[in-house]
N, C-alpha and C. Protein backbone atom coordinates (compact mmCIF):
# COMPACT_ATOMS: atom_id res chain seq x y z
N MET A 1 122.58 119.87 95.40
CA MET A 1 121.86 118.92 94.57
C MET A 1 122.55 117.55 94.56
N LEU A 2 123.87 117.57 94.40
CA LEU A 2 124.63 116.32 94.42
C LEU A 2 124.49 115.62 95.76
N THR A 3 124.52 116.41 96.85
CA THR A 3 124.37 115.83 98.18
C THR A 3 123.02 115.15 98.33
N GLY A 4 121.97 115.79 97.81
CA GLY A 4 120.64 115.21 97.88
C GLY A 4 120.56 113.90 97.12
N TRP A 5 121.20 113.85 95.93
CA TRP A 5 121.18 112.63 95.13
C TRP A 5 121.93 111.51 95.83
N VAL A 6 123.08 111.84 96.41
CA VAL A 6 123.86 110.82 97.13
C VAL A 6 123.06 110.30 98.31
N LEU A 7 122.38 111.18 99.02
CA LEU A 7 121.54 110.76 100.15
C LEU A 7 120.42 109.84 99.67
N CYS A 8 119.82 110.18 98.53
CA CYS A 8 118.76 109.35 97.97
C CYS A 8 119.27 107.95 97.67
N VAL A 9 120.43 107.84 97.05
CA VAL A 9 121.02 106.54 96.75
C VAL A 9 121.29 105.76 98.03
N ALA A 10 121.79 106.45 99.06
CA ALA A 10 122.09 105.80 100.33
C ALA A 10 120.82 105.24 100.98
N VAL A 11 119.74 106.01 100.92
CA VAL A 11 118.48 105.54 101.51
C VAL A 11 117.93 104.35 100.72
N ILE A 12 118.03 104.41 99.40
CA ILE A 12 117.58 103.28 98.57
C ILE A 12 118.35 102.01 98.94
N TYR A 13 119.66 102.15 99.12
CA TYR A 13 120.47 101.00 99.51
C TYR A 13 120.06 100.49 100.89
N GLY A 14 119.90 101.41 101.85
CA GLY A 14 119.50 100.99 103.18
C GLY A 14 118.16 100.28 103.19
N TRP A 15 117.22 100.81 102.42
CA TRP A 15 115.88 100.21 102.37
C TRP A 15 115.92 98.83 101.73
N SER A 16 116.86 98.65 100.79
CA SER A 16 116.94 97.37 100.08
C SER A 16 117.33 96.22 101.01
N ARG A 17 117.88 96.54 102.15
CA ARG A 17 118.35 95.51 103.08
C ARG A 17 117.30 95.15 104.13
N GLN A 18 116.15 95.81 104.09
CA GLN A 18 115.11 95.55 105.07
C GLN A 18 114.21 94.41 104.62
N ALA A 19 113.71 93.67 105.59
CA ALA A 19 112.74 92.61 105.33
C ALA A 19 111.84 92.50 106.56
N ALA A 20 110.58 92.82 106.38
CA ALA A 20 109.66 92.87 107.52
C ALA A 20 109.20 91.47 107.92
N GLU A 21 108.88 91.35 109.19
CA GLU A 21 108.26 90.13 109.72
C GLU A 21 106.76 90.37 109.82
N GLY A 22 106.05 89.37 110.25
CA GLY A 22 104.63 89.55 110.48
C GLY A 22 103.77 89.18 109.29
N HIS A 23 102.47 89.39 109.48
CA HIS A 23 101.47 88.99 108.50
C HIS A 23 100.82 90.22 107.86
N ALA A 24 100.14 89.99 106.75
CA ALA A 24 99.50 91.10 106.03
C ALA A 24 98.21 90.61 105.39
N ASP A 25 97.44 91.57 104.91
CA ASP A 25 96.21 91.21 104.21
C ASP A 25 96.49 90.55 102.87
N ALA A 26 97.58 90.96 102.21
CA ALA A 26 97.90 90.43 100.89
C ALA A 26 99.37 90.55 100.60
N ILE A 27 99.81 89.74 99.66
CA ILE A 27 101.16 89.83 99.09
C ILE A 27 101.01 90.51 97.74
N VAL A 28 101.75 91.57 97.49
CA VAL A 28 101.71 92.26 96.21
C VAL A 28 103.03 92.03 95.48
N VAL A 29 102.93 91.39 94.31
CA VAL A 29 104.11 91.04 93.53
C VAL A 29 104.21 91.97 92.33
N LEU A 30 105.32 92.67 92.21
CA LEU A 30 105.52 93.55 91.06
C LEU A 30 105.96 92.72 89.86
N GLY A 31 105.39 93.04 88.71
CA GLY A 31 105.66 92.28 87.51
C GLY A 31 107.06 92.49 86.96
N ALA A 32 107.45 91.57 86.09
CA ALA A 32 108.69 91.65 85.32
C ALA A 32 108.45 90.86 84.04
N ALA A 33 109.42 90.80 83.18
CA ALA A 33 109.22 90.22 81.87
C ALA A 33 108.77 88.76 81.93
N GLN A 34 107.97 88.38 80.94
CA GLN A 34 107.60 86.98 80.72
C GLN A 34 107.68 86.73 79.21
N TYR A 35 107.92 85.47 78.87
CA TYR A 35 108.12 85.13 77.47
C TYR A 35 107.17 83.99 77.09
N GLY A 36 106.11 84.35 76.37
CA GLY A 36 105.14 83.34 75.95
C GLY A 36 104.47 82.65 77.11
N GLY A 37 104.27 83.37 78.20
CA GLY A 37 103.63 82.80 79.38
C GLY A 37 104.60 82.21 80.38
N ARG A 38 105.88 82.19 80.04
CA ARG A 38 106.89 81.67 80.97
C ARG A 38 107.60 82.83 81.65
N PRO A 39 107.55 82.89 82.97
CA PRO A 39 108.21 84.00 83.67
C PRO A 39 109.71 84.05 83.41
N SER A 40 110.24 85.26 83.25
CA SER A 40 111.68 85.44 83.15
C SER A 40 112.32 85.06 84.49
N PRO A 41 113.63 84.86 84.52
CA PRO A 41 114.29 84.55 85.80
C PRO A 41 114.00 85.59 86.89
N VAL A 42 113.92 86.87 86.52
CA VAL A 42 113.62 87.91 87.51
C VAL A 42 112.21 87.74 88.06
N LEU A 43 111.22 87.55 87.17
CA LEU A 43 109.84 87.36 87.63
C LEU A 43 109.70 86.07 88.41
N ARG A 44 110.38 85.01 87.97
CA ARG A 44 110.30 83.73 88.67
C ARG A 44 110.82 83.85 90.10
N ALA A 45 111.89 84.61 90.29
CA ALA A 45 112.42 84.80 91.65
C ALA A 45 111.40 85.50 92.53
N ARG A 46 110.71 86.49 91.98
CA ARG A 46 109.68 87.19 92.76
C ARG A 46 108.51 86.26 93.08
N LEU A 47 108.09 85.48 92.09
CA LEU A 47 106.97 84.56 92.31
C LEU A 47 107.33 83.47 93.32
N ASP A 48 108.54 82.94 93.25
CA ASP A 48 108.97 81.92 94.21
C ASP A 48 108.98 82.48 95.62
N HIS A 49 109.40 83.74 95.76
CA HIS A 49 109.40 84.37 97.08
C HIS A 49 107.98 84.56 97.59
N ALA A 50 107.09 85.01 96.71
CA ALA A 50 105.68 85.17 97.10
C ALA A 50 105.07 83.83 97.47
N LEU A 51 105.41 82.79 96.73
CA LEU A 51 104.90 81.45 97.03
C LEU A 51 105.34 81.00 98.42
N ALA A 52 106.60 81.26 98.76
CA ALA A 52 107.10 80.89 100.09
C ALA A 52 106.37 81.66 101.18
N LEU A 53 106.10 82.94 100.94
CA LEU A 53 105.35 83.73 101.91
C LEU A 53 103.94 83.18 102.09
N TRP A 54 103.29 82.84 100.97
CA TRP A 54 101.92 82.32 101.03
C TRP A 54 101.89 80.98 101.76
N LYS A 55 102.85 80.11 101.46
CA LYS A 55 102.89 78.80 102.12
C LYS A 55 103.17 78.93 103.61
N SER A 56 103.82 80.03 104.01
CA SER A 56 104.10 80.28 105.43
C SER A 56 102.94 80.98 106.12
N ASP A 57 101.83 81.13 105.41
CA ASP A 57 100.62 81.78 105.95
C ASP A 57 100.88 83.23 106.36
N ARG A 58 101.79 83.90 105.64
CA ARG A 58 102.02 85.31 105.93
C ARG A 58 100.89 86.19 105.39
N ALA A 59 100.16 85.69 104.39
CA ALA A 59 98.99 86.39 103.85
C ALA A 59 98.15 85.37 103.09
N ALA A 60 96.85 85.61 103.06
CA ALA A 60 95.93 84.66 102.42
C ALA A 60 95.73 84.95 100.94
N ARG A 61 96.05 86.17 100.50
CA ARG A 61 95.82 86.56 99.11
C ARG A 61 97.13 87.01 98.47
N VAL A 62 97.19 86.82 97.16
CA VAL A 62 98.35 87.27 96.38
C VAL A 62 97.84 88.17 95.25
N VAL A 63 98.37 89.38 95.18
CA VAL A 63 98.03 90.31 94.10
C VAL A 63 99.19 90.31 93.12
N LEU A 64 98.91 89.92 91.89
CA LEU A 64 99.93 89.88 90.84
C LEU A 64 99.73 91.06 89.90
N THR A 65 100.78 91.81 89.66
CA THR A 65 100.67 92.99 88.81
C THR A 65 101.53 92.82 87.56
N GLY A 66 101.24 93.66 86.58
CA GLY A 66 102.07 93.68 85.37
C GLY A 66 101.26 93.47 84.11
N GLY A 67 101.37 94.41 83.19
CA GLY A 67 100.62 94.35 81.95
C GLY A 67 101.37 93.64 80.84
N ARG A 68 101.00 93.96 79.62
CA ARG A 68 101.63 93.35 78.44
C ARG A 68 102.63 94.32 77.82
N ARG A 69 103.76 93.78 77.42
CA ARG A 69 104.71 94.53 76.61
C ARG A 69 104.34 94.33 75.15
N PRO A 70 104.82 95.18 74.26
CA PRO A 70 104.51 95.01 72.83
C PRO A 70 104.86 93.61 72.35
N GLY A 71 103.90 92.95 71.74
CA GLY A 71 104.12 91.60 71.22
C GLY A 71 103.72 90.49 72.17
N ASP A 72 103.45 90.81 73.44
CA ASP A 72 103.06 89.79 74.40
C ASP A 72 101.64 89.29 74.12
N LEU A 73 101.42 88.00 74.33
CA LEU A 73 100.09 87.42 74.17
C LEU A 73 99.31 87.47 75.46
N ILE A 74 100.01 87.42 76.59
CA ILE A 74 99.36 87.51 77.89
C ILE A 74 100.14 88.50 78.75
N SER A 75 99.52 88.92 79.83
CA SER A 75 100.16 89.89 80.72
C SER A 75 101.14 89.20 81.67
N GLU A 76 102.01 89.99 82.26
CA GLU A 76 102.92 89.47 83.27
C GLU A 76 102.14 88.91 84.46
N ALA A 77 101.03 89.59 84.81
CA ALA A 77 100.21 89.12 85.92
C ALA A 77 99.60 87.75 85.61
N ALA A 78 99.11 87.56 84.37
CA ALA A 78 98.50 86.28 83.99
C ALA A 78 99.55 85.17 83.96
N ALA A 79 100.75 85.49 83.50
CA ALA A 79 101.82 84.50 83.52
C ALA A 79 102.16 84.11 84.95
N GLY A 80 102.14 85.09 85.84
CA GLY A 80 102.40 84.80 87.25
C GLY A 80 101.33 83.92 87.86
N ARG A 81 100.07 84.18 87.51
CA ARG A 81 98.99 83.33 88.03
C ARG A 81 99.16 81.89 87.58
N ARG A 82 99.46 81.69 86.31
CA ARG A 82 99.65 80.33 85.80
C ARG A 82 100.77 79.64 86.58
N TYR A 83 101.85 80.35 86.85
CA TYR A 83 102.99 79.79 87.56
C TYR A 83 102.60 79.38 88.98
N LEU A 84 101.89 80.26 89.68
CA LEU A 84 101.54 79.97 91.08
C LEU A 84 100.47 78.89 91.19
N VAL A 85 99.49 78.90 90.29
CA VAL A 85 98.44 77.88 90.34
C VAL A 85 99.04 76.49 90.14
N ARG A 86 100.00 76.38 89.25
CA ARG A 86 100.66 75.09 89.01
C ARG A 86 101.43 74.62 90.24
N ARG A 87 101.69 75.54 91.16
CA ARG A 87 102.44 75.20 92.37
C ARG A 87 101.57 75.19 93.61
N GLY A 88 100.26 75.14 93.40
CA GLY A 88 99.35 74.88 94.50
C GLY A 88 98.57 76.04 95.06
N VAL A 89 98.77 77.25 94.54
CA VAL A 89 97.99 78.39 95.04
C VAL A 89 96.63 78.37 94.34
N PRO A 90 95.53 78.34 95.08
CA PRO A 90 94.21 78.32 94.44
C PRO A 90 93.91 79.63 93.72
N THR A 91 93.19 79.52 92.62
CA THR A 91 92.90 80.72 91.82
C THR A 91 92.13 81.75 92.63
N GLN A 92 91.29 81.30 93.56
CA GLN A 92 90.49 82.24 94.35
C GLN A 92 91.34 83.05 95.33
N ALA A 93 92.58 82.64 95.54
CA ALA A 93 93.48 83.38 96.43
C ALA A 93 94.28 84.43 95.67
N ILE A 94 94.10 84.50 94.34
CA ILE A 94 94.92 85.37 93.51
C ILE A 94 94.07 86.49 92.91
N LEU A 95 94.56 87.72 93.03
CA LEU A 95 93.94 88.88 92.39
C LEU A 95 94.90 89.38 91.32
N LEU A 96 94.35 89.73 90.15
CA LEU A 96 95.19 90.16 89.03
C LEU A 96 95.03 91.64 88.74
N GLU A 97 96.15 92.30 88.56
CA GLU A 97 96.20 93.67 88.04
C GLU A 97 96.98 93.57 86.73
N PRO A 98 96.30 93.31 85.59
CA PRO A 98 96.99 92.96 84.35
C PRO A 98 97.23 94.13 83.40
N ALA A 99 97.11 95.36 83.88
CA ALA A 99 97.21 96.51 82.98
C ALA A 99 98.44 97.38 83.22
N GLY A 100 98.95 97.40 84.43
CA GLY A 100 100.03 98.33 84.77
C GLY A 100 101.31 98.03 84.03
N ARG A 101 101.86 99.06 83.39
CA ARG A 101 103.14 98.93 82.69
C ARG A 101 104.27 99.61 83.46
N THR A 102 103.94 100.27 84.56
CA THR A 102 104.93 100.93 85.40
C THR A 102 104.66 100.58 86.86
N SER A 103 105.63 100.84 87.71
CA SER A 103 105.43 100.59 89.14
C SER A 103 104.28 101.42 89.69
N LEU A 104 104.20 102.68 89.26
CA LEU A 104 103.15 103.56 89.74
C LEU A 104 101.78 103.05 89.33
N ALA A 105 101.62 102.68 88.06
CA ALA A 105 100.33 102.18 87.59
C ALA A 105 99.98 100.86 88.25
N SER A 106 100.96 100.00 88.46
CA SER A 106 100.70 98.71 89.11
C SER A 106 100.26 98.90 90.55
N MET A 107 100.89 99.83 91.27
CA MET A 107 100.50 100.06 92.66
C MET A 107 99.11 100.68 92.75
N GLU A 108 98.81 101.57 91.83
CA GLU A 108 97.47 102.16 91.79
C GLU A 108 96.42 101.07 91.56
N GLY A 109 96.70 100.17 90.61
CA GLY A 109 95.78 99.08 90.34
C GLY A 109 95.65 98.11 91.50
N ALA A 110 96.76 97.79 92.15
CA ALA A 110 96.72 96.89 93.30
C ALA A 110 95.90 97.48 94.44
N ALA A 111 96.08 98.77 94.69
CA ALA A 111 95.32 99.43 95.75
C ALA A 111 93.83 99.39 95.44
N ALA A 112 93.46 99.61 94.18
CA ALA A 112 92.04 99.56 93.79
C ALA A 112 91.47 98.15 93.97
N LEU A 113 92.25 97.12 93.60
CA LEU A 113 91.80 95.74 93.78
C LEU A 113 91.56 95.41 95.25
N LEU A 114 92.49 95.82 96.09
CA LEU A 114 92.35 95.52 97.52
C LEU A 114 91.20 96.29 98.14
N GLN A 115 90.97 97.51 97.68
CA GLN A 115 89.82 98.27 98.18
C GLN A 115 88.51 97.60 97.77
N ALA A 116 88.44 97.12 96.52
CA ALA A 116 87.24 96.43 96.06
C ALA A 116 87.01 95.14 96.85
N TRP A 117 88.11 94.43 97.17
CA TRP A 117 87.97 93.22 97.97
C TRP A 117 87.44 93.55 99.36
N ARG A 118 87.99 94.58 99.98
CA ARG A 118 87.52 94.96 101.31
C ARG A 118 86.06 95.40 101.28
N ASP A 119 85.69 96.13 100.23
CA ASP A 119 84.31 96.59 100.10
C ASP A 119 83.34 95.43 99.93
N SER A 120 83.82 94.29 99.42
CA SER A 120 82.95 93.14 99.20
C SER A 120 82.68 92.35 100.47
N LEU A 121 83.42 92.64 101.52
CA LEU A 121 83.25 91.91 102.78
C LEU A 121 82.04 92.43 103.54
N PRO A 122 81.45 91.59 104.38
CA PRO A 122 80.33 92.06 105.21
C PRO A 122 80.77 93.23 106.09
N ALA A 123 79.85 94.14 106.34
CA ALA A 123 80.17 95.32 107.13
C ALA A 123 80.72 94.95 108.51
N ALA A 124 80.19 93.88 109.09
CA ALA A 124 80.66 93.47 110.41
C ALA A 124 82.13 93.07 110.38
N VAL A 125 82.56 92.50 109.26
CA VAL A 125 83.97 92.12 109.12
C VAL A 125 84.83 93.35 108.86
N ARG A 126 84.36 94.22 107.97
CA ARG A 126 85.12 95.44 107.64
C ARG A 126 85.35 96.30 108.88
N ASP A 127 84.37 96.34 109.76
CA ASP A 127 84.48 97.20 110.95
C ASP A 127 85.57 96.74 111.90
N THR A 128 85.98 95.49 111.78
CA THR A 128 87.03 94.98 112.68
C THR A 128 88.42 95.13 112.07
N MET A 129 88.49 95.59 110.82
CA MET A 129 89.78 95.67 110.13
C MET A 129 90.37 97.06 110.25
N PRO A 130 91.70 97.15 110.22
CA PRO A 130 92.34 98.47 110.19
C PRO A 130 91.88 99.25 108.96
N ARG A 131 91.96 100.57 109.04
CA ARG A 131 91.47 101.41 107.94
C ARG A 131 92.24 101.16 106.66
N ARG A 132 93.54 100.91 106.77
CA ARG A 132 94.37 100.69 105.58
C ARG A 132 94.78 99.23 105.48
N ALA A 133 94.68 98.68 104.28
CA ALA A 133 95.10 97.29 104.05
C ALA A 133 96.62 97.19 104.17
N SER A 134 97.07 96.10 104.76
CA SER A 134 98.52 95.85 104.87
C SER A 134 98.95 94.91 103.76
N ILE A 135 100.14 95.16 103.22
CA ILE A 135 100.63 94.35 102.11
C ILE A 135 102.10 94.00 102.31
N LEU A 136 102.46 92.80 101.92
CA LEU A 136 103.86 92.39 101.82
C LEU A 136 104.31 92.70 100.40
N LEU A 137 105.26 93.60 100.26
CA LEU A 137 105.74 94.02 98.95
C LEU A 137 106.85 93.08 98.48
N VAL A 138 106.62 92.48 97.32
CA VAL A 138 107.61 91.55 96.77
C VAL A 138 108.14 92.09 95.45
N SER A 139 109.43 92.32 95.41
CA SER A 139 110.13 92.72 94.20
C SER A 139 111.62 92.55 94.48
N ASP A 140 112.46 93.12 93.64
CA ASP A 140 113.89 93.09 93.90
C ASP A 140 114.25 94.11 94.98
N PRO A 141 115.34 93.91 95.69
CA PRO A 141 115.70 94.82 96.78
C PRO A 141 115.80 96.28 96.37
N PHE A 142 116.37 96.56 95.19
CA PHE A 142 116.54 97.95 94.77
C PHE A 142 115.21 98.69 94.65
N HIS A 143 114.13 97.97 94.50
CA HIS A 143 112.80 98.51 94.22
C HIS A 143 112.03 98.91 95.49
N MET A 144 112.50 98.48 96.65
CA MET A 144 111.70 98.53 97.86
C MET A 144 111.31 99.94 98.32
N LEU A 145 112.24 100.89 98.27
CA LEU A 145 111.92 102.22 98.78
C LEU A 145 110.83 102.88 97.94
N ARG A 146 110.97 102.82 96.62
CA ARG A 146 109.97 103.46 95.76
C ARG A 146 108.61 102.80 95.93
N LEU A 147 108.58 101.48 96.02
CA LEU A 147 107.31 100.78 96.22
C LEU A 147 106.68 101.14 97.56
N ASP A 148 107.51 101.26 98.58
CA ASP A 148 107.01 101.65 99.91
C ASP A 148 106.35 103.01 99.85
N VAL A 149 107.00 103.97 99.21
CA VAL A 149 106.45 105.32 99.09
C VAL A 149 105.15 105.30 98.29
N LEU A 150 105.14 104.61 97.16
CA LEU A 150 103.95 104.57 96.32
C LEU A 150 102.79 103.88 97.03
N ALA A 151 103.09 102.81 97.76
CA ALA A 151 102.03 102.12 98.50
C ALA A 151 101.40 103.03 99.55
N ARG A 152 102.22 103.75 100.28
CA ARG A 152 101.69 104.66 101.30
C ARG A 152 100.86 105.78 100.67
N LEU A 153 101.31 106.30 99.53
CA LEU A 153 100.56 107.35 98.86
C LEU A 153 99.22 106.84 98.32
N HIS A 154 99.10 105.53 98.16
CA HIS A 154 97.83 104.94 97.71
C HIS A 154 97.04 104.34 98.88
N GLY A 155 97.38 104.72 100.09
CA GLY A 155 96.58 104.34 101.25
C GLY A 155 96.81 102.94 101.77
N LEU A 156 97.94 102.35 101.48
CA LEU A 156 98.25 101.00 101.94
C LEU A 156 99.31 101.04 103.04
N ARG A 157 99.41 99.95 103.79
CA ARG A 157 100.45 99.80 104.82
C ARG A 157 101.45 98.77 104.33
N PRO A 158 102.57 99.22 103.78
CA PRO A 158 103.52 98.28 103.18
C PRO A 158 104.49 97.66 104.17
N LEU A 159 104.81 96.39 103.91
CA LEU A 159 105.85 95.68 104.64
C LEU A 159 106.83 95.15 103.59
N PRO A 160 108.09 95.59 103.60
CA PRO A 160 109.03 95.16 102.57
C PRO A 160 109.39 93.69 102.72
N SER A 161 109.40 92.98 101.59
CA SER A 161 109.81 91.58 101.59
C SER A 161 110.49 91.27 100.25
N PRO A 162 111.70 91.77 100.07
CA PRO A 162 112.38 91.59 98.78
C PRO A 162 112.90 90.18 98.58
N THR A 163 112.87 89.74 97.33
CA THR A 163 113.51 88.46 97.01
C THR A 163 115.02 88.65 96.99
N ARG A 164 115.72 87.64 97.45
CA ARG A 164 117.19 87.70 97.44
C ARG A 164 117.79 86.78 96.39
N THR A 165 116.93 86.15 95.56
CA THR A 165 117.43 85.16 94.61
C THR A 165 117.35 85.63 93.16
N SER A 166 117.03 86.89 92.95
CA SER A 166 116.92 87.41 91.60
C SER A 166 118.30 87.50 90.94
N PRO A 167 118.36 87.29 89.62
CA PRO A 167 119.64 87.48 88.92
C PRO A 167 120.20 88.89 89.08
N ILE A 168 119.32 89.86 89.30
CA ILE A 168 119.80 91.23 89.50
C ILE A 168 120.63 91.31 90.78
N SER A 169 120.14 90.70 91.84
CA SER A 169 120.86 90.74 93.12
C SER A 169 122.16 89.94 93.05
N ALA A 170 122.19 88.93 92.18
CA ALA A 170 123.38 88.08 92.08
C ALA A 170 124.55 88.79 91.41
N ASN A 171 124.27 89.84 90.68
CA ASN A 171 125.32 90.57 89.97
C ASN A 171 125.46 91.95 90.60
N ARG A 172 126.52 92.16 91.34
CA ARG A 172 126.69 93.40 92.11
C ARG A 172 126.66 94.65 91.21
N ALA A 173 127.32 94.58 90.07
CA ALA A 173 127.36 95.73 89.17
C ALA A 173 125.97 96.06 88.64
N VAL A 174 125.21 95.03 88.29
CA VAL A 174 123.84 95.26 87.80
C VAL A 174 122.96 95.81 88.91
N ALA A 175 123.10 95.29 90.12
CA ALA A 175 122.31 95.77 91.25
C ALA A 175 122.59 97.26 91.51
N ILE A 176 123.84 97.65 91.45
CA ILE A 176 124.20 99.06 91.64
C ILE A 176 123.59 99.92 90.54
N GLU A 177 123.63 99.42 89.31
CA GLU A 177 123.04 100.16 88.19
C GLU A 177 121.55 100.41 88.42
N TYR A 178 120.86 99.38 88.88
CA TYR A 178 119.42 99.53 89.13
C TYR A 178 119.16 100.50 90.28
N MET A 179 120.01 100.50 91.30
CA MET A 179 119.82 101.45 92.39
C MET A 179 120.01 102.88 91.91
N LEU A 180 120.97 103.09 91.03
CA LEU A 180 121.19 104.43 90.48
C LEU A 180 119.97 104.86 89.66
N ARG A 181 119.39 103.93 88.91
CA ARG A 181 118.17 104.24 88.16
C ARG A 181 117.04 104.63 89.11
N GLU A 182 116.95 103.91 90.22
CA GLU A 182 115.89 104.19 91.19
C GLU A 182 116.01 105.59 91.77
N SER A 183 117.23 106.09 91.88
CA SER A 183 117.42 107.43 92.44
C SER A 183 116.81 108.50 91.54
N LEU A 184 116.58 108.17 90.28
CA LEU A 184 115.87 109.07 89.37
C LEU A 184 114.38 108.74 89.30
N ALA A 185 114.07 107.44 89.34
CA ALA A 185 112.68 107.01 89.23
C ALA A 185 111.85 107.44 90.44
N LEU A 186 112.46 107.42 91.62
CA LEU A 186 111.72 107.78 92.84
C LEU A 186 111.20 109.22 92.80
N PRO A 187 112.05 110.23 92.60
CA PRO A 187 111.51 111.60 92.55
C PRO A 187 110.58 111.81 91.35
N THR A 188 110.83 111.10 90.25
CA THR A 188 109.95 111.23 89.08
C THR A 188 108.55 110.75 89.41
N ASP A 189 108.44 109.59 90.05
CA ASP A 189 107.12 109.06 90.41
C ASP A 189 106.43 109.94 91.45
N MET A 190 107.19 110.48 92.39
CA MET A 190 106.59 111.36 93.39
C MET A 190 106.04 112.64 92.73
N ALA A 191 106.78 113.18 91.76
CA ALA A 191 106.31 114.36 91.05
C ALA A 191 105.05 114.04 90.25
N LEU A 192 105.02 112.85 89.63
CA LEU A 192 103.84 112.45 88.86
C LEU A 192 102.64 112.25 89.78
N MET A 193 102.87 111.65 90.94
CA MET A 193 101.78 111.49 91.90
C MET A 193 101.22 112.83 92.33
N LEU A 194 102.10 113.81 92.57
CA LEU A 194 101.64 115.15 92.94
C LEU A 194 100.80 115.75 91.82
N TRP A 195 101.25 115.59 90.58
CA TRP A 195 100.48 116.10 89.44
C TRP A 195 99.11 115.44 89.35
N LEU A 196 99.05 114.14 89.55
CA LEU A 196 97.78 113.43 89.48
C LEU A 196 96.84 113.89 90.59
N ARG A 197 97.39 114.13 91.78
CA ARG A 197 96.55 114.60 92.88
C ARG A 197 96.01 116.00 92.58
N LEU A 198 96.83 116.85 91.99
CA LEU A 198 96.41 118.23 91.69
C LEU A 198 95.37 118.27 90.58
N THR A 199 95.49 117.34 89.60
CA THR A 199 94.59 117.35 88.45
C THR A 199 93.41 116.41 88.63
N GLY A 200 93.45 115.58 89.67
CA GLY A 200 92.38 114.61 89.88
C GLY A 200 92.44 113.45 88.91
N GLY A 201 93.59 113.21 88.30
CA GLY A 201 93.74 112.14 87.34
C GLY A 201 94.23 110.86 87.97
N SER A 202 94.40 109.86 87.13
CA SER A 202 94.97 108.58 87.55
C SER A 202 95.79 108.03 86.41
N MET A 203 96.52 106.96 86.65
CA MET A 203 97.37 106.39 85.62
C MET A 203 96.57 105.83 84.46
N SER A 204 95.28 105.57 84.68
CA SER A 204 94.44 105.01 83.62
C SER A 204 93.48 106.03 83.03
N SER A 205 93.56 107.29 83.47
CA SER A 205 92.60 108.28 83.01
C SER A 205 93.19 109.15 81.90
N PRO A 206 92.32 109.80 81.13
CA PRO A 206 92.81 110.62 80.03
C PRO A 206 93.63 111.83 80.47
N THR A 207 93.53 112.21 81.77
CA THR A 207 94.27 113.38 82.23
C THR A 207 95.72 113.07 82.56
N THR A 208 96.07 111.76 82.50
CA THR A 208 97.45 111.40 82.80
C THR A 208 98.38 111.93 81.73
N PRO A 209 99.46 112.63 82.07
CA PRO A 209 100.37 113.16 81.05
C PRO A 209 101.06 112.03 80.27
């Protein structure tokens, strides 16, 4: 058991160092705290990275995820949209998933948004596209492996693109702490996904434990 946990931590670390090249259908940004509509330093680092990707024409759409914490007036996703629009991203290029309070719920919502977008395209256009939407995953490095797994389980083709400017990455001790947390969060989310598949539930349905 200890060997398996150590291996899990090692893979999380290895995955955190990857950064994919190429283009995708969308950029998916995982939410983080915001305060009165102002992104926290962690969320701002993710948004700045997504903005750089969008300006480099790596993807035409940006999916912003993240719901409200207790006491919040707006969602993390809405705060992110305000931030990006002020920096030149048109509102029509942004899709919001404003309900997810966890990585699993956010990825489920993002996958549903992208599927709805693809379904809205003319059949002639859809027929030329790959079966699975490709996404550039934007979050902190420690988060990349779990997001990659969750994206694939939701029928997406993920490309890791972690921000390197987050305060978490700047503090080695904090970064290690988050990686250790991920070693527990990853198998927990996979077990929950298995349960949802067996019960036919979703993160937003009444059957969710």
